[in-house]
Amino acid sequence: MRLQEGQVAVVTGAASGIGLAMARRFAAEGLKVVLADVEEGALDKAAGELRAEGAKVMARPVDVSERDSVRALAEAAYDTFGAVHVLCNNAGVGSGAEGRMWEHEPNDWKWAFAVNVWGVFHGIQAFLPRMLAEGTPGHVVNTSSGDGGIAPLPTASVYAVTKSAVVTMTESLYAHLKAEGASVGASVLFPGPHMLRTGLWESHRNRPERYAKERPRRTPYRSLDQWEKAMKAGGHEVEFTPVEDVAATVVDGIRADRFWMLPDSEHSDRQIRARSQSMLDRANPSYLESFVLD
């Protein structure tokens, strides 16, 4: 797909982090951008910044876990700009689950699935029929993670399960689009290859009451800065990937019709090989034994 001036890109989770970087990059390419996010204050700020940079922007508060909210976003996008060419289902949350899987609260799973899995599905159902009906080139990008999308980090198992689901959903979407001979492509995005400075660590700030935790946490939520300090104190230097690099990966991937938006990384390649070899050998997942579950 050629990205051209005047096309329209929709990005969920667009008020900060990866989503805002993608929106800013699309605007720099001349696209009109539709910003969707559950956090209204941050959304208004992001939209104002992009407009000040000369972008044509529509911003709308959206809870991607709610089907009607995403359908209303699609209606508003088409009413405002008349078309959608790029859809980035990017909104995501961490679950806040503690302890072993059998100790998790059901609401931790319900909330993570509502946003990370159902949110992607809602985006596909709300936008794709119209994108296909237009008959013009388009692209859908679903944000996954190396945690789950490649191999799970057991200490964040709920998040990993949801991001694994996004990979399978996108693979299936790709096959369905090919079977239809559609001019719309599909990709799965693995942000990285290193850590990212995003609001994912503070997802609990937007947790809705219907998915509230049922008991107090045993330990306080830890911010990214606190985690980074703890890692450095343990002698581990943390490397970060700028969110702008992730946005560049997306733009390059759309142009190349690249399904796996997976940056070069020896670490990721080792994980892929180890997991694949374990499956081929019908062996136990020894590649998980290096993780310490504390």
Protein backbone atom coordinates (compact mmCIF):
# COMPACT_ATOMS: atom_id res chain seq x y z
CA MET A 1 0.00 0.00 0.00
CA ARG A 2 1.21 3.49 -0.83
CA LEU A 3 0.74 6.02 1.93
CA GLN A 4 -0.39 9.26 0.33
CA GLU A 5 -1.48 12.71 1.38
CA GLY A 6 -5.17 12.87 2.10
CA GLN A 7 -5.58 9.27 3.26
CA VAL A 8 -7.00 8.62 6.71
CA ALA A 9 -5.45 6.65 9.59
CA VAL A 10 -7.32 5.61 12.74
CA VAL A 11 -5.25 4.85 15.85
CA THR A 12 -6.59 3.58 19.18
CA GLY A 13 -4.62 4.17 22.35
CA ALA A 14 -3.45 7.31 20.57
CA ALA A 15 -3.12 9.77 23.44
CA SER A 16 0.42 8.75 24.35
CA GLY A 17 3.26 6.31 23.78
CA ILE A 18 3.26 4.13 20.68
CA GLY A 19 -0.19 5.27 19.56
CA LEU A 20 0.72 8.95 19.60
CA ALA A 21 4.01 8.24 17.83
CA MET A 22 2.14 6.39 15.08
CA ALA A 23 -0.40 9.19 14.73
CA ARG A 24 2.37 11.79 14.54
CA ARG A 25 4.23 9.77 11.88
CA PHE A 26 1.09 9.29 9.79
CA ALA A 27 0.43 13.05 10.00
CA ALA A 28 4.01 13.71 8.86
CA GLU A 29 3.28 11.51 5.83
CA GLY A 30 0.32 13.77 4.98
CA LEU A 31 -2.45 11.55 6.32
CA LYS A 32 -5.44 12.78 8.25
CA VAL A 33 -5.53 11.12 11.66
CA VAL A 34 -8.30 9.92 13.93
CA LEU A 35 -7.16 9.67 17.55
CA ALA A 36 -9.05 7.42 19.95
CA ASP A 37 -8.27 6.93 23.63
CA VAL A 38 -10.07 6.33 26.90
CA GLU A 39 -8.09 9.08 28.66
CA GLU A 40 -9.79 12.32 27.64
CA GLY A 41 -7.33 14.84 29.07
CA ALA A 42 -4.32 13.23 27.42
CA LEU A 43 -6.32 12.81 24.21
CA ASP A 44 -7.17 16.52 24.03
CA LYS A 45 -3.53 17.42 24.66
CA ALA A 46 -2.29 15.05 21.93
CA ALA A 47 -4.84 16.34 19.43
CA GLY A 48 -3.87 19.94 20.19
CA GLU A 49 -0.19 19.20 19.67
CA LEU A 50 -0.82 17.54 16.31
CA ARG A 51 -3.08 20.36 15.13
CA ALA A 52 -0.39 22.85 16.11
CA GLU A 53 1.98 20.90 13.86
CA GLY A 54 -0.43 21.32 10.96
CA ALA A 55 -2.15 17.93 11.03
CA LYS A 56 -5.82 17.37 10.22
CA VAL A 57 -7.11 15.62 13.31
CA MET A 58 -10.29 14.16 14.71
CA ALA A 59 -10.14 13.07 18.35
CA ARG A 60 -12.75 11.01 20.17
CA PRO A 61 -12.86 9.41 23.62
CA VAL A 62 -13.34 5.68 23.10
CA ASP A 63 -13.45 2.62 25.32
CA VAL A 64 -12.39 -0.14 22.93
CA SER A 65 -13.75 -2.81 25.27
CA GLU A 66 -17.25 -1.54 24.44
CA ARG A 67 -18.49 -2.52 20.96
CA ASP A 68 -20.87 0.43 20.68
CA SER A 69 -18.08 2.86 21.56
CA VAL A 70 -15.91 1.56 18.71
CA ARG A 71 -18.85 1.52 16.28
CA ALA A 72 -19.52 5.16 17.18
CA LEU A 73 -15.85 5.91 16.48
CA ALA A 74 -16.19 4.41 13.00
CA GLU A 75 -19.34 6.44 12.32
CA ALA A 76 -17.62 9.63 13.42
CA ALA A 77 -14.48 8.92 11.38
CA TYR A 78 -16.46 8.33 8.20
CA ASP A 79 -18.75 11.30 8.85
CA THR A 80 -15.71 13.54 9.33
CA PHE A 81 -13.29 12.31 6.67
CA GLY A 82 -15.39 10.10 4.38
CA ALA A 83 -12.97 7.17 4.33
CA VAL A 84 -10.48 5.12 6.37
CA HIS A 85 -7.36 3.62 4.83
CA VAL A 86 -5.28 2.56 7.84
CA LEU A 87 -6.58 1.07 11.08
CA CYS A 88 -4.21 0.59 14.02
CA ASN A 89 -5.78 -1.43 16.84
CA ASN A 90 -3.20 -0.38 19.38
CA ALA A 91 -4.96 0.21 22.71
CA GLY A 92 -3.77 -2.12 25.45
CA VAL A 93 -3.53 -2.56 29.21
CA GLY A 94 -1.64 -4.62 31.75
CA SER A 95 -3.83 -6.67 34.06
CA GLY A 96 -2.37 -6.01 37.50
CA ALA A 97 -2.63 -9.70 38.40
CA GLU A 98 -0.51 -10.98 41.29
CA GLY A 99 0.75 -14.37 42.30
CA ARG A 100 0.23 -17.71 40.62
CA MET A 101 -2.38 -18.14 37.91
CA TRP A 102 -4.73 -20.06 40.20
CA GLU A 103 -4.62 -17.11 42.61
CA HIS A 104 -5.57 -14.47 40.02
CA GLU A 105 -8.78 -12.51 40.28
CA PRO A 106 -11.19 -13.19 37.39
CA ASN A 107 -11.56 -9.44 36.86
CA ASP A 108 -7.84 -9.20 36.02
CA TRP A 109 -8.43 -11.54 33.11
CA LYS A 110 -11.76 -10.02 32.12
CA TRP A 111 -10.33 -6.50 31.90
CA ALA A 112 -7.20 -7.50 29.98
CA PHE A 113 -9.21 -9.54 27.49
CA ALA A 114 -11.87 -6.81 27.15
CA VAL A 115 -9.26 -4.27 25.99
CA ASN A 116 -6.42 -6.28 24.45
CA VAL A 117 -8.47 -8.91 22.60
CA TRP A 118 -12.06 -7.73 22.31
CA GLY A 119 -10.80 -4.22 21.56
CA VAL A 120 -8.97 -5.50 18.48
CA PHE A 121 -11.98 -7.55 17.38
CA HIS A 122 -14.31 -4.58 17.84
CA GLY A 123 -12.02 -2.48 15.65
CA ILE A 124 -12.00 -5.11 12.92
CA GLN A 125 -15.78 -5.44 12.92
CA ALA A 126 -16.47 -1.71 13.07
CA PHE A 127 -14.09 -0.65 10.29
CA LEU A 128 -13.22 -3.50 7.95
CA PRO A 129 -16.58 -3.91 6.19
CA ARG A 130 -16.48 -0.27 5.10
CA MET A 131 -12.79 -0.42 4.20
CA LEU A 132 -13.48 -3.46 2.01
CA ALA A 133 -16.53 -1.82 0.44
CA GLU A 134 -14.41 1.15 -0.62
CA GLY A 135 -12.32 -1.20 -2.77
CA THR A 136 -9.21 0.93 -2.30
CA PRO A 137 -5.89 -0.19 -0.78
CA GLY A 138 -5.90 -0.25 2.99
CA HIS A 139 -4.14 -1.85 5.94
CA VAL A 140 -4.92 -3.09 9.45
CA VAL A 141 -2.17 -3.16 12.09
CA ASN A 142 -2.83 -5.00 15.37
CA THR A 143 -0.42 -4.40 18.23
CA SER A 144 0.88 -7.52 19.97
CA SER A 145 4.02 -7.95 22.08
CA GLY A 146 7.06 -10.17 22.31
CA ASP A 147 5.57 -11.14 25.68
CA GLY A 148 3.05 -13.68 24.50
CA GLY A 149 3.29 -12.98 20.82
CA ILE A 150 6.65 -14.76 20.70
CA ALA A 151 6.96 -16.49 24.07
CA PRO A 152 5.29 -15.72 27.38
CA LEU A 153 6.86 -13.90 30.27
CA PRO A 154 5.29 -15.96 33.07
CA THR A 155 5.41 -13.08 35.53
CA ALA A 156 2.96 -11.24 33.24
CA SER A 157 0.96 -14.24 32.12
CA VAL A 158 -2.42 -12.56 31.69
CA TYR A 159 -0.98 -9.91 29.39
CA ALA A 160 0.99 -12.57 27.53
CA VAL A 161 -2.12 -14.67 26.87
CA THR A 162 -3.96 -11.68 25.40
CA LYS A 163 -1.06 -10.73 23.14
CA SER A 164 -0.75 -14.31 21.94
CA ALA A 165 -4.43 -14.13 21.00
CA VAL A 166 -3.79 -10.97 18.97
CA VAL A 167 -1.21 -12.82 16.86
CA THR A 168 -3.61 -15.67 16.08
CA MET A 169 -6.44 -13.25 15.38
CA THR A 170 -4.28 -11.32 12.93
CA GLU A 171 -3.04 -14.48 11.21
CA SER A 172 -6.66 -15.53 10.73
CA LEU A 173 -7.60 -12.06 9.51
CA TYR A 174 -4.76 -12.17 6.98
CA ALA A 175 -6.02 -15.50 5.64
CA HIS A 176 -9.60 -14.22 5.40
CA LEU A 177 -8.51 -11.10 3.51
CA LYS A 178 -6.43 -13.17 1.08
CA ALA A 179 -9.35 -15.55 0.51
CA GLU A 180 -11.50 -12.55 -0.43
CA GLY A 181 -8.85 -11.14 -2.77
CA ALA A 182 -9.10 -7.94 -0.74
CA SER A 183 -6.99 -4.87 -1.33
CA VAL A 184 -6.68 -4.48 2.45
CA GLY A 185 -3.63 -5.99 4.13
CA ALA A 186 -3.02 -7.04 7.72
CA SER A 187 0.01 -6.96 10.00
CA VAL A 188 0.87 -7.79 13.58
CA LEU A 189 3.15 -5.33 15.36
CA PHE A 190 5.78 -6.30 17.94
CA PRO A 191 6.97 -3.01 19.47
CA GLY A 192 10.65 -3.03 20.31
CA PRO A 193 13.10 -4.68 20.15
CA HIS A 194 13.87 -3.17 23.58
CA MET A 195 11.75 -1.81 26.43
CA LEU A 196 9.46 1.11 25.68
CA ARG A 197 8.53 4.17 27.70
CA THR A 198 4.74 3.97 27.55
CA GLY A 199 1.86 4.24 29.97
CA LEU A 200 1.30 0.48 30.05
CA TRP A 201 2.85 0.24 33.52
CA GLU A 202 0.21 2.64 34.85
CA SER A 203 -2.76 0.98 33.15
CA HIS A 204 -4.57 0.73 36.49
CA ARG A 205 -5.27 4.47 36.37
CA ASN A 206 -7.93 3.81 33.71
CA ARG A 207 -9.36 0.57 35.11
CA PRO A 208 -13.18 0.78 35.03
CA GLU A 209 -15.30 0.00 38.06
CA ARG A 210 -16.96 -2.97 36.34
CA TYR A 211 -13.56 -4.70 36.30
CA ALA A 212 -12.41 -3.46 39.71
CA LYS A 213 -10.11 -5.60 41.81
CA GLU A 214 -11.97 -7.59 44.42
CA ARG A 215 -9.26 -7.50 47.09
CA PRO A 216 -6.38 -5.15 47.97
CA ARG A 217 -3.07 -5.72 46.25
CA ARG A 218 -0.40 -7.46 48.30
CA THR A 219 2.24 -5.14 46.83
CA PRO A 220 1.92 -1.60 45.41
CA TYR A 221 1.85 -1.08 41.67
CA ARG A 222 5.36 -0.46 40.37
CA SER A 223 6.05 2.28 37.82
CA LEU A 224 8.45 1.91 34.93
CA ASP A 225 10.91 4.26 36.62
CA GLN A 226 10.83 2.17 39.80
CA TRP A 227 11.37 -1.02 37.81
CA GLU A 228 14.27 0.55 35.91
CA LYS A 229 15.91 1.69 39.17
CA ALA A 230 15.54 -1.81 40.62
CA MET A 231 17.11 -3.33 37.52
CA LYS A 232 20.05 -0.91 37.66
CA ALA A 233 20.50 -1.62 41.36
CA GLY A 234 20.80 -5.29 40.44
CA GLY A 235 23.47 -4.51 37.87
CA HIS A 236 21.23 -4.72 34.80
CA GLU A 237 21.30 -1.79 32.39
CA VAL A 238 17.97 -1.35 30.59
CA GLU A 239 17.90 -0.38 26.91
CA PHE A 240 14.90 1.46 25.49
CA THR A 241 13.53 1.70 21.96
CA PRO A 242 12.18 5.16 21.08
CA VAL A 243 8.49 5.04 20.25
CA GLU A 244 9.32 6.93 17.06
CA ASP A 245 11.25 3.87 15.89
CA VAL A 246 8.15 1.74 16.39
CA ALA A 247 6.12 4.19 14.31
CA ALA A 248 8.76 3.96 11.56
CA THR A 249 8.48 0.16 11.66
CA VAL A 250 4.73 0.48 11.11
CA VAL A 251 5.00 2.88 8.17
CA ASP A 252 7.73 0.82 6.51
CA GLY A 253 5.76 -2.37 7.12
CA ILE A 254 2.58 -1.00 5.56
CA ARG A 255 4.48 0.11 2.47
CA ALA A 256 6.10 -3.32 2.14
CA ASP A 257 2.89 -5.23 2.98
CA ARG A 258 4.89 -6.96 5.71
CA PHE A 259 2.80 -9.19 7.97
CA TRP A 260 5.37 -9.60 10.75
CA MET A 261 6.27 -6.10 11.93
CA LEU A 262 9.05 -7.59 14.04
CA PRO A 263 12.29 -5.59 14.42
CA ASP A 264 15.63 -7.38 14.11
CA SER A 265 16.63 -8.77 17.48
CA GLU A 266 18.92 -11.65 18.43
CA HIS A 267 16.96 -12.02 21.68
CA SER A 268 13.66 -12.43 19.82
CA ASP A 269 15.23 -14.79 17.31
CA ARG A 270 16.56 -16.98 20.11
CA GLN A 271 13.11 -17.12 21.69
CA ILE A 272 11.46 -18.01 18.38
CA ARG A 273 13.98 -20.77 17.66
CA ALA A 274 13.80 -22.20 21.20
CA ARG A 275 10.03 -22.31 21.25
CA SER A 276 9.76 -23.73 17.72
CA GLN A 277 12.40 -26.38 18.46
CA SER A 278 10.60 -27.38 21.65
CA MET A 279 7.41 -27.93 19.65
CA LEU A 280 9.21 -29.83 16.86
CA ASP A 281 10.93 -32.03 19.43
CA ARG A 282 7.70 -32.53 21.39
CA ALA A 283 9.78 -31.43 24.38
CA ASN A 284 8.88 -29.59 27.56
CA PRO A 285 9.18 -25.78 27.36
CA SER A 286 12.63 -25.53 28.91
CA TYR A 287 13.00 -22.07 27.36
CA LEU A 288 10.79 -20.83 30.22
CA GLU A 289 13.00 -22.22 32.97
CA SER A 290 15.24 -19.15 33.01
CA PHE A 291 12.37 -17.07 34.36
CA VAL A 292 12.15 -16.71 38.12
CA LEU A 293 8.58 -16.60 39.41
CA ASP A 294 8.75 -14.65 42.64
